[in-house]
């Protein structure tokens, strides 16, 4: 069973938001769930609404992997 890391993403001109990183490459991140997926919206592939989205690297000001002891920045993630 894979355990995917939670992270806090700071997009330009936005407050930091949590999400789970499914995979990462030089072009960006495949993320799932959290406030970030809700914010991105448009995660609709082939007519099926999912909470998995691609986030391009050029949209990210910074990101930080969450530690096991860290608390969520909000209660809705």
PDB file of N, CA and C in Angstrom:
ATOM      1  N   UNK A   1       0.844  -1.186   0.000  1.00  0.00           N
ATOM      2  CA  UNK A   1       0.000   0.000   0.000  1.00  0.00           C
ATOM      3  C   UNK A   1       0.885   1.244   0.000  1.00  0.00           C
ATOM      4  N   UNK A   2       0.630   2.154  -0.939  1.00  0.00           N
ATOM      5  CA  UNK A   2       1.387   3.395  -1.009  1.00  0.00           C
ATOM      6  C   UNK A   2       0.857   4.403  -0.008  1.00  0.00           C
ATOM      7  N   UNK A   3       1.767   5.114   0.608  1.00  0.00           N
ATOM      8  CA  UNK A   3       1.406   6.220   1.485  1.00  0.00           C
ATOM      9  C   UNK A   3       1.895   7.478   0.789  1.00  0.00           C
ATOM     10  N   UNK A   4       0.966   8.343   0.430  1.00  0.00           N
ATOM     11  CA  UNK A   4       1.312   9.560  -0.288  1.00  0.00           C
ATOM     12  C   UNK A   4       1.482  10.704   0.700  1.00  0.00           C
ATOM     13  N   UNK A   5       2.488  11.561   0.481  1.00  0.00           N
ATOM     14  CA  UNK A   5       2.743  12.652   1.422  1.00  0.00           C
ATOM     15  C   UNK A   5       1.733  13.777   1.305  1.00  0.00           C
ATOM     16  N   UNK A   6       1.366  14.341   2.432  1.00  0.00           N
ATOM     17  CA  UNK A   6       0.565  15.564   2.466  1.00  0.00           C
ATOM     18  C   UNK A   6       1.536  16.723   2.333  1.00  0.00           C
ATOM     19  N   UNK A   7       1.068  17.797   1.751  1.00  0.00           N
ATOM     20  CA  UNK A   7       1.910  18.974   1.578  1.00  0.00           C
ATOM     21  C   UNK A   7       1.062  20.227   1.674  1.00  0.00           C
ATOM     22  N   UNK A   8       1.731  21.320   1.997  1.00  0.00           N
ATOM     23  CA  UNK A   8       1.130  22.646   1.963  1.00  0.00           C
ATOM     24  C   UNK A   8       1.689  23.328   0.727  1.00  0.00           C
ATOM     25  N   UNK A   9       0.802  23.797  -0.141  1.00  0.00           N
ATOM     26  CA  UNK A   9       1.197  24.496  -1.355  1.00  0.00           C
ATOM     27  C   UNK A   9       0.834  25.967  -1.219  1.00  0.00           C
ATOM     28  N   UNK A  10       1.754  26.827  -1.622  1.00  0.00           N
ATOM     29  CA  UNK A  10       1.488  28.268  -1.687  1.00  0.00           C
ATOM     30  C   UNK A  10       1.531  28.651  -3.153  1.00  0.00           C
ATOM     31  N   UNK A  11       0.347  28.946  -3.708  1.00  0.00           N
ATOM     32  CA  UNK A  11       0.270  29.429  -5.081  1.00  0.00           C
ATOM     33  C   UNK A  11       0.435  30.945  -5.068  1.00  0.00           C
ATOM     34  N   UNK A  12       0.891  31.501  -6.161  1.00  0.00           N
ATOM     35  CA  UNK A  12       1.050  32.952  -6.241  1.00  0.00           C
ATOM     36  C   UNK A  12      -0.291  33.633  -5.983  1.00  0.00           C
ATOM     37  N   UNK A  13      -0.276  34.645  -5.117  1.00  0.00           N
ATOM     38  CA  UNK A  13      -1.456  35.452  -4.776  1.00  0.00           C
ATOM     39  C   UNK A  13      -2.573  34.663  -4.104  1.00  0.00           C
ATOM     40  N   UNK A  14      -2.253  33.542  -3.463  1.00  0.00           N
ATOM     41  CA  UNK A  14      -3.246  32.736  -2.750  1.00  0.00           C
ATOM     42  C   UNK A  14      -2.708  32.375  -1.363  1.00  0.00           C
ATOM     43  N   UNK A  15      -3.609  32.065  -0.461  1.00  0.00           N
ATOM     44  CA  UNK A  15      -3.210  31.568   0.858  1.00  0.00           C
ATOM     45  C   UNK A  15      -2.734  30.124   0.707  1.00  0.00           C
ATOM     46  N   UNK A  16      -1.871  29.651   1.616  1.00  0.00           N
ATOM     47  CA  UNK A  16      -1.429  28.253   1.563  1.00  0.00           C
ATOM     48  C   UNK A  16      -2.606  27.289   1.686  1.00  0.00           C
ATOM     49  N   UNK A  17      -2.524  26.168   0.949  1.00  0.00           N
ATOM     50  CA  UNK A  17      -3.580  25.156   0.941  1.00  0.00           C
ATOM     51  C   UNK A  17      -2.963  23.765   1.003  1.00  0.00           C
ATOM     52  N   UNK A  18      -3.664  22.849   1.667  1.00  0.00           N
ATOM     53  CA  UNK A  18      -3.206  21.460   1.805  1.00  0.00           C
ATOM     54  C   UNK A  18      -3.694  20.594   0.667  1.00  0.00           C
ATOM     55  N   UNK A  19      -2.906  19.557   0.377  1.00  0.00           N
ATOM     56  CA  UNK A  19      -3.317  18.525  -0.563  1.00  0.00           C
ATOM     57  C   UNK A  19      -2.382  17.332  -0.393  1.00  0.00           C
ATOM     58  N   UNK A  20      -2.699  16.251  -1.059  1.00  0.00           N
ATOM     59  CA  UNK A  20      -1.855  15.055  -1.065  1.00  0.00           C
ATOM     60  C   UNK A  20      -1.150  14.977  -2.413  1.00  0.00           C
ATOM     61  N   UNK A  21       0.152  14.742  -2.397  1.00  0.00           N
ATOM     62  CA  UNK A  21       0.920  14.602  -3.632  1.00  0.00           C
ATOM     63  C   UNK A  21       0.897  13.138  -4.044  1.00  0.00           C
ATOM     64  N   UNK A  22       0.324  12.864  -5.216  1.00  0.00           N
ATOM     65  CA  UNK A  22       0.316  11.505  -5.749  1.00  0.00           C
ATOM     66  C   UNK A  22       1.592  11.220  -6.525  1.00  0.00           C
ATOM     67  N   UNK A  23       2.048  12.202  -7.289  1.00  0.00           N
ATOM     68  CA  UNK A  23       3.317  12.083  -7.994  1.00  0.00           C
ATOM     69  C   UNK A  23       3.798  13.475  -8.371  1.00  0.00           C
ATOM     70  N   UNK A  24       5.082  13.542  -8.720  1.00  0.00           N
ATOM     71  CA  UNK A  24       5.707  14.817  -9.038  1.00  0.00           C
ATOM     72  C   UNK A  24       6.658  14.605 -10.198  1.00  0.00           C
ATOM     73  N   UNK A  25       6.720  15.585 -11.104  1.00  0.00           N
ATOM     74  CA  UNK A  25       7.702  15.577 -12.177  1.00  0.00           C
ATOM     75  C   UNK A  25       8.119  17.022 -12.434  1.00  0.00           C
ATOM     76  N   UNK A  26       9.084  17.275 -13.327  1.00  0.00           N
ATOM     77  CA  UNK A  26       9.533  18.654 -13.543  1.00  0.00           C
ATOM     78  C   UNK A  26       8.423  19.616 -13.974  1.00  0.00           C
ATOM     79  N   UNK A  27       7.366  19.094 -14.603  1.00  0.00           N
ATOM     80  CA  UNK A  27       6.270  19.948 -15.051  1.00  0.00           C
ATOM     81  C   UNK A  27       5.274  20.317 -13.981  1.00  0.00           C
ATOM     82  N   UNK A  28       5.236  19.543 -12.895  1.00  0.00           N
ATOM     83  CA  UNK A  28       4.287  19.845 -11.841  1.00  0.00           C
ATOM     84  C   UNK A  28       3.977  18.661 -10.955  1.00  0.00           C
ATOM     85  N   UNK A  29       2.794  18.707 -10.363  1.00  0.00           N
ATOM     86  CA  UNK A  29       2.369  17.739  -9.360  1.00  0.00           C
ATOM     87  C   UNK A  29       1.000  17.179  -9.718  1.00  0.00           C
ATOM     88  N   UNK A  30       0.795  15.893  -9.496  1.00  0.00           N
ATOM     89  CA  UNK A  30      -0.545  15.307  -9.485  1.00  0.00           C
ATOM     90  C   UNK A  30      -0.950  15.300  -8.020  1.00  0.00           C
ATOM     91  N   UNK A  31      -2.024  15.996  -7.714  1.00  0.00           N
ATOM     92  CA  UNK A  31      -2.464  16.123  -6.320  1.00  0.00           C
ATOM     93  C   UNK A  31      -3.867  15.549  -6.183  1.00  0.00           C
ATOM     94  N   UNK A  32      -4.222  15.241  -4.935  1.00  0.00           N
ATOM     95  CA  UNK A  32      -5.560  14.720  -4.660  1.00  0.00           C
ATOM     96  C   UNK A  32      -6.095  15.324  -3.386  1.00  0.00           C
ATOM     97  N   UNK A  33      -7.324  15.792  -3.464  1.00  0.00           N
ATOM     98  CA  UNK A  33      -8.061  16.219  -2.286  1.00  0.00           C
ATOM     99  C   UNK A  33      -7.585  17.513  -1.660  1.00  0.00           C
ATOM    100  N   UNK A  34      -8.183  17.817  -0.541  1.00  0.00           N
ATOM    101  CA  UNK A  34      -7.837  19.004   0.224  1.00  0.00           C
ATOM    102  C   UNK A  34      -8.390  20.279  -0.391  1.00  0.00           C
ATOM    103  N   UNK A  35      -8.086  21.371   0.248  1.00  0.00           N
ATOM    104  CA  UNK A  35      -8.534  22.687  -0.210  1.00  0.00           C
ATOM    105  C   UNK A  35      -7.992  23.009  -1.590  1.00  0.00           C
ATOM    106  N   UNK A  36      -6.780  22.545  -1.884  1.00  0.00           N
ATOM    107  CA  UNK A  36      -6.175  22.871  -3.167  1.00  0.00           C
ATOM    108  C   UNK A  36      -6.961  22.265  -4.325  1.00  0.00           C
ATOM    109  N   UNK A  37      -7.348  21.016  -4.223  1.00  0.00           N
ATOM    110  CA  UNK A  37      -8.144  20.384  -5.286  1.00  0.00           C
ATOM    111  C   UNK A  37      -9.479  21.108  -5.447  1.00  0.00           C
ATOM    112  N   UNK A  38     -10.097  21.492  -4.340  1.00  0.00           N
ATOM    113  CA  UNK A  38     -11.359  22.248  -4.413  1.00  0.00           C
ATOM    114  C   UNK A  38     -11.142  23.590  -5.099  1.00  0.00           C
ATOM    115  N   UNK A  39     -10.044  24.259  -4.754  1.00  0.00           N
ATOM    116  CA  UNK A  39      -9.725  25.561  -5.338  1.00  0.00           C
ATOM    117  C   UNK A  39      -9.496  25.446  -6.846  1.00  0.00           C
ATOM    118  N   UNK A  40      -8.764  24.423  -7.269  1.00  0.00           N
ATOM    119  CA  UNK A  40      -8.449  24.258  -8.687  1.00  0.00           C
ATOM    120  C   UNK A  40      -9.689  23.961  -9.514  1.00  0.00           C
ATOM    121  N   UNK A  41     -10.653  23.245  -8.897  1.00  0.00           N
ATOM    122  CA  UNK A  41     -11.853  22.895  -9.651  1.00  0.00           C
ATOM    123  C   UNK A  41     -11.452  22.263 -10.974  1.00  0.00           C
ATOM    124  N   UNK A  42     -12.318  22.162 -11.903  1.00  0.00           N
ATOM    125  CA  UNK A  42     -11.959  21.669 -13.221  1.00  0.00           C
ATOM    126  C   UNK A  42     -11.214  20.348 -13.229  1.00  0.00           C
ATOM    127  N   UNK A  43     -11.369  19.551 -12.196  1.00  0.00           N
ATOM    128  CA  UNK A  43     -10.714  18.246 -12.123  1.00  0.00           C
ATOM    129  C   UNK A  43     -11.657  17.204 -12.709  1.00  0.00           C
ATOM    130  N   UNK A  44     -12.256  17.526 -13.807  1.00  0.00           N
ATOM    131  CA  UNK A  44     -13.251  16.670 -14.442  1.00  0.00           C
ATOM    132  C   UNK A  44     -12.640  16.052 -15.690  1.00  0.00           C
ATOM    133  N   UNK A  45     -12.367  14.760 -15.632  1.00  0.00           N
ATOM    134  CA  UNK A  45     -11.743  14.060 -16.737  1.00  0.00           C
ATOM    135  C   UNK A  45     -12.727  13.052 -17.310  1.00  0.00           C
ATOM    136  N   UNK A  46     -12.977  13.114 -18.591  1.00  0.00           N
ATOM    137  CA  UNK A  46     -13.871  12.186 -19.293  1.00  0.00           C
ATOM    138  C   UNK A  46     -15.270  12.159 -18.689  1.00  0.00           C
ATOM    139  N   UNK A  47     -15.728  13.291 -18.210  1.00  0.00           N
ATOM    140  CA  UNK A  47     -17.071  13.370 -17.671  1.00  0.00           C
ATOM    141  C   UNK A  47     -17.237  12.796 -16.283  1.00  0.00           C
ATOM    142  N   UNK A  48     -16.148  12.405 -15.644  1.00  0.00           N
ATOM    143  CA  UNK A  48     -16.197  11.846 -14.297  1.00  0.00           C
ATOM    144  C   UNK A  48     -15.551  12.845 -13.338  1.00  0.00           C
ATOM    145  N   UNK A  49     -16.307  13.309 -12.368  1.00  0.00           N
ATOM    146  CA  UNK A  49     -15.780  14.262 -11.391  1.00  0.00           C
ATOM    147  C   UNK A  49     -14.889  13.533 -10.404  1.00  0.00           C
ATOM    148  N   UNK A  50     -13.633  13.935 -10.316  1.00  0.00           N
ATOM    149  CA  UNK A  50     -12.677  13.343  -9.379  1.00  0.00           C
ATOM    150  C   UNK A  50     -11.955  14.461  -8.652  1.00  0.00           C
ATOM    151  N   UNK A  51     -11.293  14.129  -7.569  1.00  0.00           N
ATOM    152  CA  UNK A  51     -10.540  15.148  -6.844  1.00  0.00           C
ATOM    153  C   UNK A  51      -9.039  14.994  -7.076  1.00  0.00           C
ATOM    154  N   UNK A  52      -8.644  14.488  -8.249  1.00  0.00           N
ATOM    155  CA  UNK A  52      -7.249  14.391  -8.644  1.00  0.00           C
ATOM    156  C   UNK A  52      -7.015  15.424  -9.734  1.00  0.00           C
ATOM    157  N   UNK A  53      -6.024  16.277  -9.541  1.00  0.00           N
ATOM    158  CA  UNK A  53      -5.746  17.356 -10.488  1.00  0.00           C
ATOM    159  C   UNK A  53      -4.254  17.456 -10.745  1.00  0.00           C
ATOM    160  N   UNK A  54      -3.902  18.031 -11.896  1.00  0.00           N
ATOM    161  CA  UNK A  54      -2.513  18.353 -12.183  1.00  0.00           C
ATOM    162  C   UNK A  54      -2.295  19.811 -11.850  1.00  0.00           C
ATOM    163  N   UNK A  55      -1.238  20.086 -11.119  1.00  0.00           N
ATOM    164  CA  UNK A  55      -0.870  21.441 -10.728  1.00  0.00           C
ATOM    165  C   UNK A  55       0.477  21.754 -11.364  1.00  0.00           C
ATOM    166  N   UNK A  56       0.506  22.688 -12.295  1.00  0.00           N
ATOM    167  CA  UNK A  56       1.739  23.049 -12.994  1.00  0.00           C
ATOM    168  C   UNK A  56       2.720  23.732 -12.044  1.00  0.00           C
ATOM    169  N   UNK A  57       3.992  23.414 -12.193  1.00  0.00           N
ATOM    170  CA  UNK A  57       5.040  23.975 -11.335  1.00  0.00           C
ATOM    171  C   UNK A  57       5.088  25.489 -11.368  1.00  0.00           C
ATOM    172  N   UNK A  58       4.783  26.092 -12.522  1.00  0.00           N
ATOM    173  CA  UNK A  58       4.880  27.554 -12.631  1.00  0.00           C
ATOM    174  C   UNK A  58       3.787  28.288 -11.859  1.00  0.00           C
ATOM    175  N   UNK A  59       2.817  27.571 -11.312  1.00  0.00           N
ATOM    176  CA  UNK A  59       1.764  28.172 -10.489  1.00  0.00           C
ATOM    177  C   UNK A  59       2.122  28.166  -9.002  1.00  0.00           C
ATOM    178  N   UNK A  60       3.182  27.410  -8.633  1.00  0.00           N
ATOM    179  CA  UNK A  60       3.534  27.194  -7.232  1.00  0.00           C
ATOM    180  C   UNK A  60       4.656  28.144  -6.817  1.00  0.00           C
ATOM    181  N   UNK A  61       4.371  28.973  -5.817  1.00  0.00           N
ATOM    182  CA  UNK A  61       5.403  29.850  -5.253  1.00  0.00           C
ATOM    183  C   UNK A  61       6.337  29.022  -4.382  1.00  0.00           C
ATOM    184  N   UNK A  62       5.747  28.185  -3.518  1.00  0.00           N
ATOM    185  CA  UNK A  62       6.517  27.240  -2.700  1.00  0.00           C
ATOM    186  C   UNK A  62       5.595  26.128  -2.236  1.00  0.00           C
ATOM    187  N   UNK A  63       6.218  25.044  -1.810  1.00  0.00           N
ATOM    188  CA  UNK A  63       5.466  23.963  -1.168  1.00  0.00           C
ATOM    189  C   UNK A  63       6.340  23.345  -0.095  1.00  0.00           C
ATOM    190  N   UNK A  64       5.700  22.714   0.867  1.00  0.00           N
ATOM    191  CA  UNK A  64       6.405  22.101   1.986  1.00  0.00           C
ATOM    192  C   UNK A  64       5.691  20.805   2.338  1.00  0.00           C
ATOM    193  N   UNK A  65       6.458  19.728   2.406  1.00  0.00           N
ATOM    194  CA  UNK A  65       5.872  18.463   2.847  1.00  0.00           C
ATOM    195  C   UNK A  65       5.508  18.559   4.313  1.00  0.00           C
ATOM    196  N   UNK A  66       4.362  18.037   4.656  1.00  0.00           N
ATOM    197  CA  UNK A  66       3.912  18.033   6.048  1.00  0.00           C
ATOM    198  C   UNK A  66       4.673  16.960   6.814  1.00  0.00           C
ATOM    199  N   UNK A  67       5.005  17.263   8.040  1.00  0.00           N
ATOM    200  CA  UNK A  67       5.612  16.261   8.905  1.00  0.00           C
ATOM    201  C   UNK A  67       4.505  15.482   9.596  1.00  0.00           C
ATOM    202  N   UNK A  68       4.832  14.330  10.121  1.00  0.00           N
ATOM    203  CA  UNK A  68       3.813  13.507  10.783  1.00  0.00           C
ATOM    204  C   UNK A  68       3.198  14.214  11.974  1.00  0.00           C
ATOM    205  N   UNK A  69       3.939  15.088  12.624  1.00  0.00           N
ATOM    206  CA  UNK A  69       3.440  15.762  13.817  1.00  0.00           C
ATOM    207  C   UNK A  69       2.776  17.099  13.514  1.00  0.00           C
ATOM    208  N   UNK A  70       2.784  17.514  12.224  1.00  0.00           N
ATOM    209  CA  UNK A  70       2.216  18.822  11.907  1.00  0.00           C
ATOM    210  C   UNK A  70       0.699  18.761  11.894  1.00  0.00           C
ATOM    211  N   UNK A  71       0.107  19.903  12.145  1.00  0.00           N
ATOM    212  CA  UNK A  71      -1.349  20.018  12.125  1.00  0.00           C
ATOM    213  C   UNK A  71      -1.769  20.656  10.803  1.00  0.00           C
ATOM    214  N   UNK A  72      -2.968  20.335  10.369  1.00  0.00           N
ATOM    215  CA  UNK A  72      -3.518  20.901   9.157  1.00  0.00           C
ATOM    216  C   UNK A  72      -3.693  22.397   9.332  1.00  0.00           C
ATOM    217  N   UNK A  73      -3.575  23.156   8.241  1.00  0.00           N
ATOM    218  CA  UNK A  73      -3.779  24.594   8.342  1.00  0.00           C
ATOM    219  C   UNK A  73      -5.254  24.949   8.406  1.00  0.00           C
ATOM    220  N   UNK A  74      -6.117  23.990   8.129  1.00  0.00           N
ATOM    221  CA  UNK A  74      -7.545  24.188   8.323  1.00  0.00           C
ATOM    222  C   UNK A  74      -8.178  22.821   8.600  1.00  0.00           C
ATOM    223  N   UNK A  75      -9.392  22.814   9.028  1.00  0.00           N
ATOM    224  CA  UNK A  75     -10.025  21.566   9.450  1.00  0.00           C
ATOM    225  C   UNK A  75     -10.779  20.852   8.333  1.00  0.00           C
ATOM    226  N   UNK A  76     -10.772  21.396   7.127  1.00  0.00           N
ATOM    227  CA  UNK A  76     -11.537  20.812   6.028  1.00  0.00           C
ATOM    228  C   UNK A  76     -10.679  20.036   5.049  1.00  0.00           C
ATOM    229  N   UNK A  77      -9.519  19.574   5.449  1.00  0.00           N
ATOM    230  CA  UNK A  77      -8.651  18.846   4.524  1.00  0.00           C
ATOM    231  C   UNK A  77      -8.521  17.419   4.976  1.00  0.00           C
TER     232      UNK A  77
END
